[in-house]
C-alpha atoms as a PDB file:
ATOM      1  CA  MET A   1     -47.562  -7.968 -26.377  1.00  0.00           C
ATOM      2  CA  GLU A   2     -43.761  -7.625 -28.093  1.00  0.00           C
ATOM      3  CA  GLN A   3     -41.132  -7.800 -25.821  1.00  0.00           C
ATOM      4  CA  PHE A   4     -38.077  -5.483 -25.917  1.00  0.00           C
ATOM      5  CA  ASP A   5     -34.554  -6.897 -24.926  1.00  0.00           C
ATOM      6  CA  ILE A   6     -32.904  -3.667 -24.580  1.00  0.00           C
ATOM      7  CA  ILE A   7     -35.515  -0.014 -23.411  1.00  0.00           C
ATOM      8  CA  PHE A   8     -33.313   2.794 -22.351  1.00  0.00           C
ATOM      9  CA  CYS A   9     -35.962   5.609 -20.366  1.00  0.00           C
ATOM     10  CA  ARG A  10     -33.681   8.368 -19.526  1.00  0.00           C
ATOM     11  CA  ASN A  11     -34.730  11.436 -17.698  1.00  0.00           C
ATOM     12  CA  VAL A  12     -38.537  10.499 -18.031  1.00  0.00           C
ATOM     13  CA  MET A  13     -39.676   8.855 -14.398  1.00  0.00           C
ATOM     14  CA  MET A  14     -37.665  12.267 -12.610  1.00  0.00           C
ATOM     15  CA  TYR A  15     -40.363  14.531 -13.904  1.00  0.00           C
ATOM     16  CA  LEU A  16     -43.328  12.075 -12.268  1.00  0.00           C
ATOM     17  CA  ILE A  17     -45.559  11.852  -9.442  1.00  0.00           C
ATOM     18  CA  PRO A  18     -44.841   8.514  -7.447  1.00  0.00           C
ATOM     19  CA  ASP A  19     -47.850   6.765  -8.406  1.00  0.00           C
ATOM     20  CA  ALA A  20     -46.981   7.620 -12.042  1.00  0.00           C
ATOM     21  CA  VAL A  21     -43.583   6.323 -11.328  1.00  0.00           C
ATOM     22  CA  ARG A  22     -44.914   2.780 -10.238  1.00  0.00           C
ATOM     23  CA  ALA A  23     -46.778   2.461 -13.719  1.00  0.00           C
ATOM     24  CA  VAL A  24     -44.428   3.492 -15.750  1.00  0.00           C
ATOM     25  CA  VAL A  25     -42.014   0.459 -14.261  1.00  0.00           C
ATOM     26  CA  ALA A  26     -44.373  -1.795 -14.194  1.00  0.00           C
ATOM     27  CA  ARG A  27     -45.137  -1.053 -18.456  1.00  0.00           C
ATOM     28  CA  LEU A  28     -41.622  -1.030 -18.624  1.00  0.00           C
ATOM     29  CA  THR A  29     -41.410  -4.333 -16.716  1.00  0.00           C
ATOM     30  CA  ARG A  30     -44.439  -5.890 -18.858  1.00  0.00           C
ATOM     31  CA  ALA A  31     -42.463  -4.748 -22.179  1.00  0.00           C
ATOM     32  CA  LEU A  32     -38.795  -6.186 -21.382  1.00  0.00           C
ATOM     33  CA  ALA A  33     -38.144  -9.823 -22.505  1.00  0.00           C
ATOM     34  CA  PRO A  34     -36.645 -12.092 -19.279  1.00  0.00           C
ATOM     35  CA  ALA A  35     -33.131 -11.152 -18.639  1.00  0.00           C
ATOM     36  CA  GLY A  36     -33.703  -7.938 -20.805  1.00  0.00           C
ATOM     37  CA  PHE A  37     -31.994  -4.464 -19.890  1.00  0.00           C
ATOM     38  CA  LEU A  38     -33.364  -1.405 -18.867  1.00  0.00           C
ATOM     39  CA  PHE A  39     -31.563   2.210 -18.622  1.00  0.00           C
ATOM     40  CA  LEU A  40     -32.105   5.161 -16.936  1.00  0.00           C
ATOM     41  CA  SER A  41     -30.288   8.505 -16.676  1.00  0.00           C
ATOM     42  CA  HIS A  42     -28.003   8.711 -13.261  1.00  0.00           C
ATOM     43  CA  ALA A  43     -30.692  10.673 -11.888  1.00  0.00           C
ATOM     44  CA  GLU A  44     -33.053   7.817 -11.921  1.00  0.00           C
ATOM     45  CA  THR A  45     -32.945   4.304  -9.749  1.00  0.00           C
ATOM     46  CA  LEU A  46     -35.680   1.622  -9.301  1.00  0.00           C
ATOM     47  CA  ARG A  47     -35.133   1.087  -5.829  1.00  0.00           C
ATOM     48  CA  GLY A  48     -37.917   1.023  -3.436  1.00  0.00           C
ATOM     49  CA  LEU A  49     -40.296   0.788  -6.834  1.00  0.00           C
ATOM     50  CA  SER A  50     -39.264  -2.624  -8.487  1.00  0.00           C
ATOM     51  CA  ARG A  51     -37.604  -6.236  -7.283  1.00  0.00           C
ATOM     52  CA  ASP A  52     -37.748  -7.136 -10.732  1.00  0.00           C
ATOM     53  CA  PHE A  53     -34.321  -6.338 -11.464  1.00  0.00           C
ATOM     54  CA  HIS A  54     -30.663  -6.460 -10.743  1.00  0.00           C
ATOM     55  CA  LEU A  55     -28.647  -3.905 -10.809  1.00  0.00           C
ATOM     56  CA  ARG A  56     -26.147  -3.990 -13.098  1.00  0.00           C
ATOM     57  CA  HIS A  57     -22.831  -2.234 -13.270  1.00  0.00           C
ATOM     58  CA  THR A  58     -19.760  -2.118 -16.210  1.00  0.00           C
ATOM     59  CA  HIS A  59     -17.939   0.533 -18.360  1.00  0.00           C
ATOM     60  CA  ASP A  60     -18.385   3.163 -16.257  1.00  0.00           C
ATOM     61  CA  THR A  61     -22.336   2.208 -16.435  1.00  0.00           C
ATOM     62  CA  PHE A  62     -25.675   1.528 -14.408  1.00  0.00           C
ATOM     63  CA  TYR A  63     -28.714   0.047 -15.658  1.00  0.00           C
ATOM     64  CA  TYR A  64     -30.289  -2.539 -14.960  1.00  0.00           C
ATOM     65  CA  GLN A  65     -31.442  -6.374 -16.651  1.00  0.00           C
ATOM     66  CA  LYS A  66     -34.624  -8.163 -15.528  1.00  0.00           C
ATOM     67  CA  ARG A  67     -34.483 -11.083 -13.008  1.00  0.00           C
ATOM     68  CA  GLU A  68     -36.923 -13.109 -15.221  1.00  0.00           C
ATOM     69  CA  GLY A  69     -34.448 -15.593 -17.305  1.00  0.00           C
ATOM     70  CA  VAL A  70     -31.284 -14.232 -15.446  1.00  0.00           C
ATOM     71  CA  GLU A  71     -31.819 -17.307 -13.675  1.00  0.00           C
ATOM     72  CA  ARG A  72     -32.782 -19.496 -15.432  1.00  0.00           C
ATOM     73  CA  SER A  73     -30.220 -18.454 -18.215  1.00  0.00           C
ATOM     74  CA  LEU A  74     -27.506 -20.018 -15.290  1.00  0.00           C
ATOM     75  CA  ASN A  75     -29.085 -22.815 -14.501  1.00  0.00           C
ATOM     76  CA  ARG A  76     -28.896 -23.784 -18.481  1.00  0.00           C
ATOM     77  CA  LEU A  77     -24.941 -22.932 -17.867  1.00  0.00           C
ATOM     78  CA  ARG A  78     -24.756 -24.929 -14.885  1.00  0.00           C
ATOM     79  CA  ARG A  79     -26.886 -28.353 -16.696  1.00  0.00           C
ATOM     80  CA  ALA A  80     -24.490 -27.484 -19.695  1.00  0.00           C
ATOM     81  CA  PRO A  81     -22.670 -30.736 -20.721  1.00  0.00           C
ATOM     82  CA  LYS A  82     -18.880 -30.448 -20.021  1.00  0.00           C
ATOM     83  CA  PRO A  83     -16.323 -29.708 -22.724  1.00  0.00           C
ATOM     84  CA  LEU A  84     -14.190 -33.493 -23.418  1.00  0.00           C
ATOM     85  CA  LEU A  85     -11.736 -32.265 -24.198  1.00  0.00           C
ATOM     86  CA  PRO A  86      -9.605 -29.170 -22.149  1.00  0.00           C
ATOM     87  CA  ILE A  87     -10.246 -26.161 -24.232  1.00  0.00           C
ATOM     88  CA  ALA A  88      -6.760 -25.695 -24.139  1.00  0.00           C
ATOM     89  CA  SER A  89      -6.468 -28.421 -26.777  1.00  0.00           C
ATOM     90  CA  LEU A  90      -8.408 -27.973 -29.561  1.00  0.00           C
ATOM     91  CA  ASP A  91      -7.125 -26.990 -32.439  1.00  0.00           C
ATOM     92  CA  ILE A  92      -8.942 -24.204 -33.828  1.00  0.00           C
ATOM     93  CA  SER A  93      -6.310 -23.076 -36.434  1.00  0.00           C
ATOM     94  CA  TRP A  94      -8.252 -22.421 -40.385  1.00  0.00           C
END
């Protein structure tokens, strides 16, 4: 199955019955790449439907990020080697 980095599903789930909403959320979760983003409308939420996402808020917008892959990315950053020189001392002039 092809996976997507971002999925926009706005003003769809609000018209479905609860069982159909759960099925749609499960399918969107499978279709989304690890650490991918899901955008819903302001009237829709995953609360009580899925624990597979982190709720995010930036630029006056709420959206969801798939948990799978986020922890892996954070662990990779924590294990990354420290720079040999402080960033401020690096000469980046061309």
